[in-house]
């Protein structure tokens, strides 16, 4: 996100420093300190940006606002084309074990 609206500054003395913080955002072309426009990449969700101005007399004032980044774009997907696969011959294996009648109890023979 580039060129967000800058903070509006006024004072009876000159404002000498304007700083901003945006936890989670990655600063881009502008530095995080000095008098500059806010240029940063913001993560999905809500990030609170805080501006702090300091005048020549050392007095400060702060304000903040939220930048909300919402993913409104649907994902895309491409399936492979239909395919035909040859049938494999059945490969069944059965192991039949005949009970050993000599080991069964007399009433089950």
PDB file of N, CA and C in Angstrom:
ATOM      1  N   UNK A   1       0.860  -1.158   0.000  1.00  0.00           N
ATOM      2  CA  UNK A   1       0.000   0.000   0.000  1.00  0.00           C
ATOM      3  C   UNK A   1       0.906   1.220   0.000  1.00  0.00           C
ATOM      4  N   UNK A   2       0.660   2.128  -0.867  1.00  0.00           N
ATOM      5  CA  UNK A   2       1.517   3.306  -0.947  1.00  0.00           C
ATOM      6  C   UNK A   2       0.689   4.570  -0.825  1.00  0.00           C
ATOM      7  N   UNK A   3       1.351   5.595  -0.388  1.00  0.00           N
ATOM      8  CA  UNK A   3       0.774   6.938  -0.312  1.00  0.00           C
ATOM      9  C   UNK A   3      -0.559   7.005   0.420  1.00  0.00           C
ATOM     10  N   UNK A   4      -0.588   6.475   1.614  1.00  0.00           N
ATOM     11  CA  UNK A   4      -1.756   6.688   2.461  1.00  0.00           C
ATOM     12  C   UNK A   4      -1.802   8.164   2.804  1.00  0.00           C
ATOM     13  N   UNK A   5      -2.950   8.641   3.123  1.00  0.00           N
ATOM     14  CA  UNK A   5      -3.074  10.057   3.455  1.00  0.00           C
ATOM     15  C   UNK A   5      -2.126  10.400   4.598  1.00  0.00           C
ATOM     16  N   UNK A   6      -1.339  11.455   4.442  1.00  0.00           N
ATOM     17  CA  UNK A   6      -0.404  11.823   5.504  1.00  0.00           C
ATOM     18  C   UNK A   6      -1.141  12.428   6.694  1.00  0.00           C
ATOM     19  N   UNK A   7      -0.488  12.407   7.823  1.00  0.00           N
ATOM     20  CA  UNK A   7      -1.046  13.062   9.001  1.00  0.00           C
ATOM     21  C   UNK A   7      -1.015  14.576   8.764  1.00  0.00           C
ATOM     22  N   UNK A   8      -2.030  15.267   9.242  1.00  0.00           N
ATOM     23  CA  UNK A   8      -2.093  16.731   9.106  1.00  0.00           C
ATOM     24  C   UNK A   8      -1.474  17.321  10.362  1.00  0.00           C
ATOM     25  N   UNK A   9      -0.460  18.141  10.174  1.00  0.00           N
ATOM     26  CA  UNK A   9       0.294  18.697  11.293  1.00  0.00           C
ATOM     27  C   UNK A   9       0.081  20.197  11.399  1.00  0.00           C
ATOM     28  N   UNK A  10      -0.018  20.672  12.622  1.00  0.00           N
ATOM     29  CA  UNK A  10      -0.025  22.123  12.851  1.00  0.00           C
ATOM     30  C   UNK A  10       0.453  22.374  14.267  1.00  0.00           C
ATOM     31  N   UNK A  11       1.097  23.513  14.454  1.00  0.00           N
ATOM     32  CA  UNK A  11       1.635  23.862  15.765  1.00  0.00           C
ATOM     33  C   UNK A  11       2.048  25.323  15.703  1.00  0.00           C
ATOM     34  N   UNK A  12       2.117  25.977  16.879  1.00  0.00           N
ATOM     35  CA  UNK A  12       2.608  27.352  16.892  1.00  0.00           C
ATOM     36  C   UNK A  12       4.123  27.386  16.726  1.00  0.00           C
ATOM     37  N   UNK A  13       4.790  26.269  16.963  1.00  0.00           N
ATOM     38  CA  UNK A  13       6.212  26.119  16.664  1.00  0.00           C
ATOM     39  C   UNK A  13       6.290  25.141  15.486  1.00  0.00           C
ATOM     40  N   UNK A  14       7.416  25.002  14.909  1.00  0.00           N
ATOM     41  CA  UNK A  14       7.559  24.059  13.799  1.00  0.00           C
ATOM     42  C   UNK A  14       7.534  22.629  14.309  1.00  0.00           C
ATOM     43  N   UNK A  15       6.824  21.764  13.588  1.00  0.00           N
ATOM     44  CA  UNK A  15       6.870  20.339  13.897  1.00  0.00           C
ATOM     45  C   UNK A  15       8.178  19.823  13.302  1.00  0.00           C
ATOM     46  N   UNK A  16       9.009  19.267  14.146  1.00  0.00           N
ATOM     47  CA  UNK A  16      10.330  18.848  13.682  1.00  0.00           C
ATOM     48  C   UNK A  16      10.427  17.357  13.409  1.00  0.00           C
ATOM     49  N   UNK A  17       9.566  16.579  14.020  1.00  0.00           N
ATOM     50  CA  UNK A  17       9.633  15.129  13.838  1.00  0.00           C
ATOM     51  C   UNK A  17       8.217  14.574  13.751  1.00  0.00           C
ATOM     52  N   UNK A  18       8.005  13.701  12.784  1.00  0.00           N
ATOM     53  CA  UNK A  18       6.771  12.934  12.701  1.00  0.00           C
ATOM     54  C   UNK A  18       7.193  11.484  12.559  1.00  0.00           C
ATOM     55  N   UNK A  19       6.803  10.660  13.510  1.00  0.00           N
ATOM     56  CA  UNK A  19       7.134   9.240  13.446  1.00  0.00           C
ATOM     57  C   UNK A  19       5.844   8.434  13.343  1.00  0.00           C
ATOM     58  N   UNK A  20       5.970   7.237  12.845  1.00  0.00           N
ATOM     59  CA  UNK A  20       4.810   6.350  12.810  1.00  0.00           C
ATOM     60  C   UNK A  20       5.235   4.938  13.138  1.00  0.00           C
ATOM     61  N   UNK A  21       4.304   4.221  13.722  1.00  0.00           N
ATOM     62  CA  UNK A  21       4.508   2.801  13.985  1.00  0.00           C
ATOM     63  C   UNK A  21       3.306   2.050  13.425  1.00  0.00           C
ATOM     64  N   UNK A  22       3.569   0.876  12.930  1.00  0.00           N
ATOM     65  CA  UNK A  22       2.514   0.017  12.412  1.00  0.00           C
ATOM     66  C   UNK A  22       2.976  -1.421  12.646  1.00  0.00           C
ATOM     67  N   UNK A  23       2.750  -1.943  13.856  1.00  0.00           N
ATOM     68  CA  UNK A  23       3.223  -3.296  14.167  1.00  0.00           C
ATOM     69  C   UNK A  23       2.734  -4.318  13.143  1.00  0.00           C
ATOM     70  N   UNK A  24       3.668  -5.091  12.598  1.00  0.00           N
ATOM     71  CA  UNK A  24       3.328  -6.106  11.606  1.00  0.00           C
ATOM     72  C   UNK A  24       3.484  -5.638  10.181  1.00  0.00           C
ATOM     73  N   UNK A  25       3.481  -4.310   9.962  1.00  0.00           N
ATOM     74  CA  UNK A  25       3.639  -3.786   8.606  1.00  0.00           C
ATOM     75  C   UNK A  25       5.121  -3.703   8.278  1.00  0.00           C
ATOM     76  N   UNK A  26       5.433  -3.796   6.996  1.00  0.00           N
ATOM     77  CA  UNK A  26       6.813  -3.718   6.535  1.00  0.00           C
ATOM     78  C   UNK A  26       7.016  -2.387   5.830  1.00  0.00           C
ATOM     79  N   UNK A  27       7.866  -1.494   6.374  1.00  0.00           N
ATOM     80  CA  UNK A  27       8.085  -0.196   5.725  1.00  0.00           C
ATOM     81  C   UNK A  27       8.639  -0.385   4.316  1.00  0.00           C
ATOM     82  N   UNK A  28       8.190   0.462   3.405  1.00  0.00           N
ATOM     83  CA  UNK A  28       8.669   0.375   2.022  1.00  0.00           C
ATOM     84  C   UNK A  28       9.687   1.491   1.779  1.00  0.00           C
ATOM     85  N   UNK A  29       9.391   2.399   0.885  1.00  0.00           N
ATOM     86  CA  UNK A  29      10.365   3.414   0.468  1.00  0.00           C
ATOM     87  C   UNK A  29      10.644   4.464   1.550  1.00  0.00           C
ATOM     88  N   UNK A  30       9.670   4.727   2.409  1.00  0.00           N
ATOM     89  CA  UNK A  30       9.884   5.784   3.395  1.00  0.00           C
ATOM     90  C   UNK A  30      10.460   5.215   4.682  1.00  0.00           C
ATOM     91  N   UNK A  31      11.222   6.051   5.346  1.00  0.00           N
ATOM     92  CA  UNK A  31      11.794   5.646   6.632  1.00  0.00           C
ATOM     93  C   UNK A  31      10.706   5.662   7.688  1.00  0.00           C
ATOM     94  N   UNK A  32      10.958   5.004   8.796  1.00  0.00           N
ATOM     95  CA  UNK A  32       9.963   4.959   9.873  1.00  0.00           C
ATOM     96  C   UNK A  32      10.023   6.240  10.705  1.00  0.00           C
ATOM     97  N   UNK A  33      11.095   6.995  10.627  1.00  0.00           N
ATOM     98  CA  UNK A  33      11.206   8.243  11.381  1.00  0.00           C
ATOM     99  C   UNK A  33      11.409   9.412  10.427  1.00  0.00           C
ATOM    100  N   UNK A  34      11.217  10.606  10.925  1.00  0.00           N
ATOM    101  CA  UNK A  34      11.317  11.805  10.101  1.00  0.00           C
ATOM    102  C   UNK A  34       9.924  12.194   9.624  1.00  0.00           C
ATOM    103  N   UNK A  35       9.840  13.297   8.897  1.00  0.00           N
ATOM    104  CA  UNK A  35       8.546  13.728   8.372  1.00  0.00           C
ATOM    105  C   UNK A  35       8.406  13.114   6.984  1.00  0.00           C
ATOM    106  N   UNK A  36       7.491  12.160   6.863  1.00  0.00           N
ATOM    107  CA  UNK A  36       7.331  11.445   5.602  1.00  0.00           C
ATOM    108  C   UNK A  36       5.940  10.867   5.487  1.00  0.00           C
ATOM    109  N   UNK A  37       5.636  10.405   4.291  1.00  0.00           N
ATOM    110  CA  UNK A  37       4.368   9.713   4.077  1.00  0.00           C
ATOM    111  C   UNK A  37       4.517   8.266   4.518  1.00  0.00           C
ATOM    112  N   UNK A  38       3.443   7.697   4.931  1.00  0.00           N
ATOM    113  CA  UNK A  38       3.422   6.299   5.340  1.00  0.00           C
ATOM    114  C   UNK A  38       3.358   5.432   4.095  1.00  0.00           C
ATOM    115  N   UNK A  39       4.376   4.638   3.869  1.00  0.00           N
ATOM    116  CA  UNK A  39       4.408   3.691   2.765  1.00  0.00           C
ATOM    117  C   UNK A  39       4.835   2.361   3.358  1.00  0.00           C
ATOM    118  N   UNK A  40       3.957   1.384   3.317  1.00  0.00           N
ATOM    119  CA  UNK A  40       4.262   0.101   3.941  1.00  0.00           C
ATOM    120  C   UNK A  40       3.412  -0.990   3.322  1.00  0.00           C
ATOM    121  N   UNK A  41       3.808  -2.216   3.558  1.00  0.00           N
ATOM    122  CA  UNK A  41       3.021  -3.382   3.185  1.00  0.00           C
ATOM    123  C   UNK A  41       2.375  -3.898   4.460  1.00  0.00           C
ATOM    124  N   UNK A  42       1.071  -4.047   4.427  1.00  0.00           N
ATOM    125  CA  UNK A  42       0.328  -4.470   5.606  1.00  0.00           C
ATOM    126  C   UNK A  42      -0.109  -5.918   5.470  1.00  0.00           C
ATOM    127  N   UNK A  43      -0.098  -6.666   6.575  1.00  0.00           N
ATOM    128  CA  UNK A  43      -0.565  -8.056   6.542  1.00  0.00           C
ATOM    129  C   UNK A  43      -2.091  -8.118   6.527  1.00  0.00           C
ATOM    130  N   UNK A  44      -2.633  -9.285   6.234  1.00  0.00           N
ATOM    131  CA  UNK A  44      -4.079  -9.470   6.319  1.00  0.00           C
ATOM    132  C   UNK A  44      -4.548  -9.170   7.733  1.00  0.00           C
ATOM    133  N   UNK A  45      -5.700  -8.573   7.833  1.00  0.00           N
ATOM    134  CA  UNK A  45      -6.250  -8.263   9.142  1.00  0.00           C
ATOM    135  C   UNK A  45      -6.167  -6.776   9.430  1.00  0.00           C
ATOM    136  N   UNK A  46      -6.224  -6.442  10.701  1.00  0.00           N
ATOM    137  CA  UNK A  46      -6.232  -5.049  11.137  1.00  0.00           C
ATOM    138  C   UNK A  46      -4.890  -4.672  11.737  1.00  0.00           C
ATOM    139  N   UNK A  47      -4.336  -3.563  11.265  1.00  0.00           N
ATOM    140  CA  UNK A  47      -3.094  -3.017  11.815  1.00  0.00           C
ATOM    141  C   UNK A  47      -3.377  -1.598  12.264  1.00  0.00           C
ATOM    142  N   UNK A  48      -3.059  -1.289  13.502  1.00  0.00           N
ATOM    143  CA  UNK A  48      -3.230   0.066  14.010  1.00  0.00           C
ATOM    144  C   UNK A  48      -1.965   0.855  13.740  1.00  0.00           C
ATOM    145  N   UNK A  49      -2.130   1.980  13.041  1.00  0.00           N
ATOM    146  CA  UNK A  49      -1.016   2.879  12.730  1.00  0.00           C
ATOM    147  C   UNK A  49      -1.082   4.045  13.707  1.00  0.00           C
ATOM    148  N   UNK A  50       0.052   4.350  14.319  1.00  0.00           N
ATOM    149  CA  UNK A  50       0.119   5.467  15.260  1.00  0.00           C
ATOM    150  C   UNK A  50       1.123   6.489  14.749  1.00  0.00           C
ATOM    151  N   UNK A  51       0.657   7.732  14.591  1.00  0.00           N
ATOM    152  CA  UNK A  51       1.527   8.849  14.253  1.00  0.00           C
ATOM    153  C   UNK A  51       1.843   9.614  15.533  1.00  0.00           C
ATOM    154  N   UNK A  52       3.082  10.029  15.677  1.00  0.00           N
ATOM    155  CA  UNK A  52       3.463  10.891  16.795  1.00  0.00           C
ATOM    156  C   UNK A  52       4.234  12.071  16.233  1.00  0.00           C
ATOM    157  N   UNK A  53       3.764  13.275  16.559  1.00  0.00           N
ATOM    158  CA  UNK A  53       4.421  14.505  16.106  1.00  0.00           C
ATOM    159  C   UNK A  53       5.128  15.141  17.298  1.00  0.00           C
ATOM    160  N   UNK A  54       6.291  15.710  17.042  1.00  0.00           N
ATOM    161  CA  UNK A  54       7.056  16.391  18.084  1.00  0.00           C
ATOM    162  C   UNK A  54       7.437  17.766  17.555  1.00  0.00           C
ATOM    163  N   UNK A  55       7.182  18.790  18.365  1.00  0.00           N
ATOM    164  CA  UNK A  55       7.509  20.143  17.907  1.00  0.00           C
ATOM    165  C   UNK A  55       8.863  20.598  18.435  1.00  0.00           C
ATOM    166  N   UNK A  56       9.243  21.779  18.030  1.00  0.00           N
ATOM    167  CA  UNK A  56      10.557  22.318  18.404  1.00  0.00           C
ATOM    168  C   UNK A  56      10.697  22.485  19.916  1.00  0.00           C
ATOM    169  N   UNK A  57       9.581  22.614  20.621  1.00  0.00           N
ATOM    170  CA  UNK A  57       9.615  22.756  22.071  1.00  0.00           C
ATOM    171  C   UNK A  57       9.666  21.414  22.795  1.00  0.00           C
ATOM    172  N   UNK A  58       9.644  20.308  22.052  1.00  0.00           N
ATOM    173  CA  UNK A  58       9.719  18.976  22.662  1.00  0.00           C
ATOM    174  C   UNK A  58       8.369  18.398  23.050  1.00  0.00           C
ATOM    175  N   UNK A  59       7.284  19.121  22.753  1.00  0.00           N
ATOM    176  CA  UNK A  59       5.950  18.604  23.067  1.00  0.00           C
ATOM    177  C   UNK A  59       5.522  17.618  21.987  1.00  0.00           C
ATOM    178  N   UNK A  60       4.734  16.615  22.386  1.00  0.00           N
ATOM    179  CA  UNK A  60       4.293  15.603  21.431  1.00  0.00           C
ATOM    180  C   UNK A  60       2.776  15.465  21.426  1.00  0.00           C
ATOM    181  N   UNK A  61       2.274  14.996  20.325  1.00  0.00           N
ATOM    182  CA  UNK A  61       0.859  14.651  20.187  1.00  0.00           C
ATOM    183  C   UNK A  61       0.799  13.406  19.305  1.00  0.00           C
ATOM    184  N   UNK A  62      -0.173  12.543  19.590  1.00  0.00           N
ATOM    185  CA  UNK A  62      -0.302  11.301  18.827  1.00  0.00           C
ATOM    186  C   UNK A  62      -1.728  11.100  18.351  1.00  0.00           C
ATOM    187  N   UNK A  63      -1.866  10.356  17.295  1.00  0.00           N
ATOM    188  CA  UNK A  63      -3.178   9.922  16.817  1.00  0.00           C
ATOM    189  C   UNK A  63      -2.984   8.560  16.169  1.00  0.00           C
ATOM    190  N   UNK A  64      -4.079   7.811  16.045  1.00  0.00           N
ATOM    191  CA  UNK A  64      -3.953   6.511  15.390  1.00  0.00           C
ATOM    192  C   UNK A  64      -5.184   6.212  14.557  1.00  0.00           C
ATOM    193  N   UNK A  65      -5.015   5.278  13.641  1.00  0.00           N
ATOM    194  CA  UNK A  65      -6.116   4.807  12.804  1.00  0.00           C
ATOM    195  C   UNK A  65      -5.804   3.367  12.419  1.00  0.00           C
ATOM    196  N   UNK A  66      -6.816   2.655  11.988  1.00  0.00           N
ATOM    197  CA  UNK A  66      -6.661   1.255  11.595  1.00  0.00           C
ATOM    198  C   UNK A  66      -6.599   1.127  10.078  1.00  0.00           C
ATOM    199  N   UNK A  67      -5.728   0.262   9.622  1.00  0.00           N
ATOM    200  CA  UNK A  67      -5.696  -0.156   8.227  1.00  0.00           C
ATOM    201  C   UNK A  67      -6.183  -1.604   8.227  1.00  0.00           C
ATOM    202  N   UNK A  68      -7.271  -1.856   7.521  1.00  0.00           N
ATOM    203  CA  UNK A  68      -7.848  -3.192   7.466  1.00  0.00           C
ATOM    204  C   UNK A  68      -7.591  -3.762   6.075  1.00  0.00           C
ATOM    205  N   UNK A  69      -6.883  -4.872   6.035  1.00  0.00           N
ATOM    206  CA  UNK A  69      -6.625  -5.562   4.776  1.00  0.00           C
ATOM    207  C   UNK A  69      -7.473  -6.828   4.774  1.00  0.00           C
ATOM    208  N   UNK A  70      -8.394  -6.888   3.819  1.00  0.00           N
ATOM    209  CA  UNK A  70      -9.295  -8.037   3.718  1.00  0.00           C
ATOM    210  C   UNK A  70      -9.066  -8.720   2.377  1.00  0.00           C
ATOM    211  N   UNK A  71      -8.949 -10.019   2.398  1.00  0.00           N
ATOM    212  CA  UNK A  71      -8.793 -10.795   1.176  1.00  0.00           C
ATOM    213  C   UNK A  71     -10.183 -11.057   0.615  1.00  0.00           C
ATOM    214  N   UNK A  72     -10.541 -10.342  -0.443  1.00  0.00           N
ATOM    215  CA  UNK A  72     -11.875 -10.456  -1.035  1.00  0.00           C
ATOM    216  C   UNK A  72     -11.833 -11.216  -2.367  1.00  0.00           C
ATOM    217  N   UNK A  73     -10.677 -11.713  -2.751  1.00  0.00           N
ATOM    218  CA  UNK A  73     -10.520 -12.400  -4.029  1.00  0.00           C
ATOM    219  C   UNK A  73     -10.635 -13.904  -3.828  1.00  0.00           C
ATOM    220  N   UNK A  74     -11.499 -14.515  -4.629  1.00  0.00           N
ATOM    221  CA  UNK A  74     -11.667 -15.959  -4.540  1.00  0.00           C
ATOM    222  C   UNK A  74     -10.421 -16.659  -5.069  1.00  0.00           C
ATOM    223  N   UNK A  75     -10.082 -17.795  -4.498  1.00  0.00           N
ATOM    224  CA  UNK A  75      -8.942 -18.545  -5.038  1.00  0.00           C
ATOM    225  C   UNK A  75      -9.316 -19.129  -6.406  1.00  0.00           C
ATOM    226  N   UNK A  76      -8.316 -19.454  -7.180  1.00  0.00           N
ATOM    227  CA  UNK A  76      -8.555 -20.105  -8.465  1.00  0.00           C
ATOM    228  C   UNK A  76      -7.947 -21.495  -8.425  1.00  0.00           C
ATOM    229  N   UNK A  77      -8.535 -22.374  -9.222  1.00  0.00           N
ATOM    230  CA  UNK A  77      -8.029 -23.737  -9.288  1.00  0.00           C
ATOM    231  C   UNK A  77      -8.264 -24.257 -10.700  1.00  0.00           C
ATOM    232  N   UNK A  78      -7.327 -25.024 -11.204  1.00  0.00           N
ATOM    233  CA  UNK A  78      -7.456 -25.645 -12.518  1.00  0.00           C
ATOM    234  C   UNK A  78      -7.254 -27.147 -12.346  1.00  0.00           C
ATOM    235  N   UNK A  79      -8.270 -27.900 -12.723  1.00  0.00           N
ATOM    236  CA  UNK A  79      -8.173 -29.357 -12.606  1.00  0.00           C
ATOM    237  C   UNK A  79      -7.527 -29.928 -13.859  1.00  0.00           C
ATOM    238  N   UNK A  80      -6.908 -31.099 -13.740  1.00  0.00           N
ATOM    239  CA  UNK A  80      -6.370 -31.747 -14.937  1.00  0.00           C
ATOM    240  C   UNK A  80      -7.514 -32.210 -15.827  1.00  0.00           C
ATOM    241  N   UNK A  81      -7.190 -32.483 -17.087  1.00  0.00           N
ATOM    242  CA  UNK A  81      -8.199 -32.967 -18.029  1.00  0.00           C
ATOM    243  C   UNK A  81      -8.674 -34.363 -17.610  1.00  0.00           C
ATOM    244  N   UNK A  82      -9.863 -34.730 -18.109  1.00  0.00           N
ATOM    245  CA  UNK A  82     -10.352 -36.099 -17.876  1.00  0.00           C
ATOM    246  C   UNK A  82      -9.316 -37.079 -18.405  1.00  0.00           C
ATOM    247  N   UNK A  83      -9.233 -38.232 -17.774  1.00  0.00           N
ATOM    248  CA  UNK A  83      -8.264 -39.215 -18.236  1.00  0.00           C
ATOM    249  C   UNK A  83      -8.882 -40.600 -18.238  1.00  0.00           C
ATOM    250  N   UNK A  84      -8.372 -41.435 -19.118  1.00  0.00           N
ATOM    251  CA  UNK A  84      -8.795 -42.823 -19.199  1.00  0.00           C
ATOM    252  C   UNK A  84      -7.593 -43.677 -18.860  1.00  0.00           C
ATOM    253  N   UNK A  85      -7.798 -44.613 -17.957  1.00  0.00           N
ATOM    254  CA  UNK A  85      -6.696 -45.495 -17.573  1.00  0.00           C
ATOM    255  C   UNK A  85      -7.104 -46.929 -17.876  1.00  0.00           C
ATOM    256  N   UNK A  86      -6.173 -47.736 -18.359  1.00  0.00           N
ATOM    257  CA  UNK A  86      -6.522 -49.126 -18.668  1.00  0.00           C
ATOM    258  C   UNK A  86      -6.771 -49.915 -17.392  1.00  0.00           C
ATOM    259  N   UNK A  87      -7.686 -50.891 -17.527  1.00  0.00           N
ATOM    260  CA  UNK A  87      -7.991 -51.752 -16.393  1.00  0.00           C
ATOM    261  C   UNK A  87      -6.837 -52.715 -16.214  1.00  0.00           C
ATOM    262  N   UNK A  88      -6.455 -52.889 -15.001  1.00  0.00           N
ATOM    263  CA  UNK A  88      -5.400 -53.845 -14.685  1.00  0.00           C
ATOM    264  C   UNK A  88      -6.039 -55.206 -14.449  1.00  0.00           C
ATOM    265  N   UNK A  89      -5.382 -56.289 -14.861  1.00  0.00           N
ATOM    266  CA  UNK A  89      -5.937 -57.618 -14.580  1.00  0.00           C
ATOM    267  C   UNK A  89      -6.079 -57.816 -13.070  1.00  0.00           C
ATOM    268  N   UNK A  90      -7.124 -58.533 -12.719  1.00  0.00           N
ATOM    269  CA  UNK A  90      -7.332 -58.788 -11.300  1.00  0.00           C
ATOM    270  C   UNK A  90      -6.204 -59.654 -10.764  1.00  0.00           C
ATOM    271  N   UNK A  91      -5.758 -59.295  -9.657  1.00  0.00           N
ATOM    272  CA  UNK A  91      -4.688 -60.071  -9.022  1.00  0.00           C
ATOM    273  C   UNK A  91      -5.142 -60.399  -7.609  1.00  0.00           C
ATOM    274  N   UNK A  92      -5.972 -61.382  -7.545  1.00  0.00           N
ATOM    275  CA  UNK A  92      -6.485 -61.781  -6.248  1.00  0.00           C
ATOM    276  C   UNK A  92      -5.708 -62.986  -5.762  1.00  0.00           C
ATOM    277  N   UNK A  93      -5.404 -62.983  -4.561  1.00  0.00           N
ATOM    278  CA  UNK A  93      -4.727 -64.129  -3.969  1.00  0.00           C
ATOM    279  C   UNK A  93      -5.501 -64.534  -2.727  1.00  0.00           C
ATOM    280  N   UNK A  94      -5.841 -65.762  -2.683  1.00  0.00           N
ATOM    281  CA  UNK A  94      -6.543 -66.277  -1.516  1.00  0.00           C
ATOM    282  C   UNK A  94      -5.743 -67.435  -0.952  1.00  0.00           C
ATOM    283  N   UNK A  95      -5.568 -67.402   0.276  1.00  0.00           N
ATOM    284  CA  UNK A  95      -4.912 -68.510   0.964  1.00  0.00           C
ATOM    285  C   UNK A  95      -5.964 -69.161   1.843  1.00  0.00           C
ATOM    286  N   UNK A  96      -6.392 -70.322   1.422  1.00  0.00           N
ATOM    287  CA  UNK A  96      -7.378 -71.053   2.209  1.00  0.00           C
ATOM    288  C   UNK A  96      -6.643 -72.065   3.061  1.00  0.00           C
ATOM    289  N   UNK A  97      -6.979 -72.049   4.289  1.00  0.00           N
ATOM    290  CA  UNK A  97      -6.372 -73.018   5.192  1.00  0.00           C
ATOM    291  C   UNK A  97      -7.463 -73.961   5.649  1.00  0.00           C
ATOM    292  N   UNK A  98      -7.223 -75.182   5.415  1.00  0.00           N
ATOM    293  CA  UNK A  98      -8.169 -76.188   5.875  1.00  0.00           C
ATOM    294  C   UNK A  98      -7.867 -76.462   7.333  1.00  0.00           C
ATOM    295  N   UNK A  99      -8.896 -76.507   8.108  1.00  0.00           N
ATOM    296  CA  UNK A  99      -8.652 -76.799   9.516  1.00  0.00           C
ATOM    297  C   UNK A  99      -8.084 -78.203   9.683  1.00  0.00           C
ATOM    298  N   UNK A 100      -7.255 -78.326  10.631  1.00  0.00           N
ATOM    299  CA  UNK A 100      -6.667 -79.636  10.946  1.00  0.00           C
ATOM    300  C   UNK A 100      -7.658 -80.350  11.865  1.00  0.00           C
ATOM    301  N   UNK A 101      -8.383 -81.286  11.284  1.00  0.00           N
ATOM    302  CA  UNK A 101      -9.439 -81.973  12.030  1.00  0.00           C
ATOM    303  C   UNK A 101      -8.893 -82.750  13.201  1.00  0.00           C
ATOM    304  N   UNK A 102      -7.642 -83.022  13.165  1.00  0.00           N
ATOM    305  CA  UNK A 102      -7.093 -83.801  14.262  1.00  0.00           C
ATOM    306  C   UNK A 102      -6.913 -82.936  15.498  1.00  0.00           C
ATOM    307  N   UNK A 103      -6.971 -81.652  15.346  1.00  0.00           N
ATOM    308  CA  UNK A 103      -6.767 -80.774  16.504  1.00  0.00           C
ATOM    309  C   UNK A 103      -8.079 -80.217  17.040  1.00  0.00           C
ATOM    310  N   UNK A 104      -9.182 -80.491  16.389  1.00  0.00           N
ATOM    311  CA  UNK A 104     -10.475 -79.979  16.841  1.00  0.00           C
ATOM    312  C   UNK A 104     -10.963 -80.862  17.984  1.00  0.00           C
ATOM    313  N   UNK A 105     -11.731 -80.300  18.870  1.00  0.00           N
ATOM    314  CA  UNK A 105     -12.342 -81.122  19.922  1.00  0.00           C
ATOM    315  C   UNK A 105     -13.263 -82.165  19.290  1.00  0.00           C
ATOM    316  N   UNK A 106     -13.477 -83.221  19.972  1.00  0.00           N
ATOM    317  CA  UNK A 106     -14.263 -84.323  19.437  1.00  0.00           C
ATOM    318  C   UNK A 106     -15.660 -83.919  18.986  1.00  0.00           C
ATOM    319  N   UNK A 107     -16.313 -82.986  19.697  1.00  0.00           N
ATOM    320  CA  UNK A 107     -17.684 -82.622  19.334  1.00  0.00           C
ATOM    321  C   UNK A 107     -17.748 -81.721  18.099  1.00  0.00           C
ATOM    322  N   UNK A 108     -16.587 -81.242  17.543  1.00  0.00           N
ATOM    323  CA  UNK A 108     -16.600 -80.385  16.362  1.00  0.00           C
ATOM    324  C   UNK A 108     -16.045 -81.099  15.144  1.00  0.00           C
ATOM    325  N   UNK A 109     -15.728 -82.399  15.238  1.00  0.00           N
ATOM    326  CA  UNK A 109     -15.217 -83.141  14.077  1.00  0.00           C
ATOM    327  C   UNK A 109     -16.320 -83.639  13.217  1.00  0.00           C
TER     328      UNK A 109
END
